[in-house]
Amino acid sequence: MFLKNRRNGNMVDVTNMSDLTNLYHEKVSGRYQAGEELQDIEEFNKSDLLFLSGEELPKCWTDPDYRTAKK
């Protein structure tokens, strides 16, 4: 899945979807999509990633307490 790094705007190809959707994992492995050569795999904080449209990742992917009502 392609996401965007909020810090630099570059596209990131997430290599393991189960890490992305697991709300207890704060980091995912992926690689930047830049140039013609395959880039090295890096660790990315989920908090630094957005959908390509600029939308935030769903809370159910990032917040273990997303069902708890916050006051």
C-alpha atoms as a PDB file:
ATOM      1  CA  MET A   1       0.000   0.000   0.000  1.00  0.00           C
ATOM      2  CA  PHE A   2       1.268   3.456  -0.852  1.00  0.00           C
ATOM      3  CA  LEU A   3       1.173   6.176   1.784  1.00  0.00           C
ATOM      4  CA  LYS A   4       2.745   9.606   2.080  1.00  0.00           C
ATOM      5  CA  ASN A   5       5.322  10.743   4.615  1.00  0.00           C
ATOM      6  CA  ARG A   6       3.900  13.871   6.271  1.00  0.00           C
ATOM      7  CA  ARG A   7       7.372  15.312   6.954  1.00  0.00           C
ATOM      8  CA  ASN A   8       8.711  15.356   3.406  1.00  0.00           C
ATOM      9  CA  GLY A   9       5.712  14.487   1.193  1.00  0.00           C
ATOM     10  CA  ASN A  10       7.464  11.471  -0.358  1.00  0.00           C
ATOM     11  CA  MET A  11       5.540   8.324  -1.230  1.00  0.00           C
ATOM     12  CA  VAL A  12       6.192   5.235   0.927  1.00  0.00           C
ATOM     13  CA  ASP A  13       5.399   1.650  -0.087  1.00  0.00           C
ATOM     14  CA  VAL A  14       4.418  -0.216   3.106  1.00  0.00           C
ATOM     15  CA  THR A  15       5.789  -3.751   2.861  1.00  0.00           C
ATOM     16  CA  ASN A  16       3.764  -5.422   5.630  1.00  0.00           C
ATOM     17  CA  MET A  17       0.060  -4.577   5.805  1.00  0.00           C
ATOM     18  CA  SER A  18      -0.452  -6.497   9.051  1.00  0.00           C
ATOM     19  CA  ASP A  19       1.916  -4.085  10.845  1.00  0.00           C
ATOM     20  CA  LEU A  20       0.004  -1.143   9.398  1.00  0.00           C
ATOM     21  CA  THR A  21      -3.397  -2.363  10.557  1.00  0.00           C
ATOM     22  CA  ASN A  22      -2.196  -3.686  13.935  1.00  0.00           C
ATOM     23  CA  LEU A  23      -3.051  -0.922  16.391  1.00  0.00           C
ATOM     24  CA  TYR A  24      -0.356  -2.075  18.830  1.00  0.00           C
ATOM     25  CA  HIS A  25       2.471  -1.548  16.336  1.00  0.00           C
ATOM     26  CA  GLU A  26       3.747   2.027  16.264  1.00  0.00           C
ATOM     27  CA  LYS A  27       6.116   1.469  13.335  1.00  0.00           C
ATOM     28  CA  VAL A  28       5.858  -0.127   9.922  1.00  0.00           C
ATOM     29  CA  SER A  29       8.497  -1.214   7.451  1.00  0.00           C
ATOM     30  CA  GLY A  30       8.462   0.247   3.995  1.00  0.00           C
ATOM     31  CA  ARG A  31      10.520   1.880   1.304  1.00  0.00           C
ATOM     32  CA  TYR A  32      10.432   5.217  -0.405  1.00  0.00           C
ATOM     33  CA  GLN A  33       9.254   5.214  -4.003  1.00  0.00           C
ATOM     34  CA  ALA A  34      11.894   7.381  -5.630  1.00  0.00           C
ATOM     35  CA  GLY A  35      13.816   6.939  -8.835  1.00  0.00           C
ATOM     36  CA  GLU A  36      14.037   3.769 -10.869  1.00  0.00           C
ATOM     37  CA  GLU A  37      15.938   1.621  -8.372  1.00  0.00           C
ATOM     38  CA  LEU A  38      14.295  -0.185  -5.473  1.00  0.00           C
ATOM     39  CA  GLN A  39      15.090   1.687  -2.253  1.00  0.00           C
ATOM     40  CA  ASP A  40      16.213   0.056   1.001  1.00  0.00           C
ATOM     41  CA  ILE A  41      13.575  -0.909   3.570  1.00  0.00           C
ATOM     42  CA  GLU A  42      13.264   1.514   6.489  1.00  0.00           C
ATOM     43  CA  GLU A  43      11.151   1.805   9.632  1.00  0.00           C
ATOM     44  CA  PHE A  44       8.469   4.523   9.631  1.00  0.00           C
ATOM     45  CA  ASN A  45       6.386   5.772  12.542  1.00  0.00           C
ATOM     46  CA  LYS A  46       2.708   5.422  11.757  1.00  0.00           C
ATOM     47  CA  SER A  47       2.197   8.942  13.099  1.00  0.00           C
ATOM     48  CA  ASP A  48       4.354  10.217  10.201  1.00  0.00           C
ATOM     49  CA  LEU A  49       2.215   8.563   7.517  1.00  0.00           C
ATOM     50  CA  LEU A  50      -0.900   9.743   5.695  1.00  0.00           C
ATOM     51  CA  PHE A  51      -2.980   8.442   2.827  1.00  0.00           C
ATOM     52  CA  LEU A  52      -1.930   9.903  -0.516  1.00  0.00           C
ATOM     53  CA  SER A  53      -5.042  12.116  -0.392  1.00  0.00           C
ATOM     54  CA  GLY A  54      -3.724  13.733   2.811  1.00  0.00           C
ATOM     55  CA  GLU A  55      -6.194  11.978   5.107  1.00  0.00           C
ATOM     56  CA  GLU A  56      -5.026  10.629   8.467  1.00  0.00           C
ATOM     57  CA  LEU A  57      -4.798   6.882   9.068  1.00  0.00           C
ATOM     58  CA  PRO A  58      -7.878   5.434  10.797  1.00  0.00           C
ATOM     59  CA  LYS A  59      -7.841   5.491  14.606  1.00  0.00           C
ATOM     60  CA  CYS A  60      -8.471   1.727  14.629  1.00  0.00           C
ATOM     61  CA  TRP A  61      -4.979   1.335  13.076  1.00  0.00           C
ATOM     62  CA  THR A  62      -3.164   3.682  15.445  1.00  0.00           C
ATOM     63  CA  ASP A  63      -4.941   4.076  18.808  1.00  0.00           C
ATOM     64  CA  PRO A  64      -5.478   1.051  21.091  1.00  0.00           C
ATOM     65  CA  ASP A  65      -8.107   3.040  23.023  1.00  0.00           C
ATOM     66  CA  TYR A  66     -10.067   4.229  19.986  1.00  0.00           C
ATOM     67  CA  ARG A  67     -13.320   2.751  21.324  1.00  0.00           C
ATOM     68  CA  THR A  68     -13.058   4.517  24.663  1.00  0.00           C
ATOM     69  CA  ALA A  69     -15.038   7.748  24.788  1.00  0.00           C
ATOM     70  CA  LYS A  70     -12.783  10.700  25.418  1.00  0.00           C
ATOM     71  CA  LYS A  71     -14.087  13.693  27.332  1.00  0.00           C
END
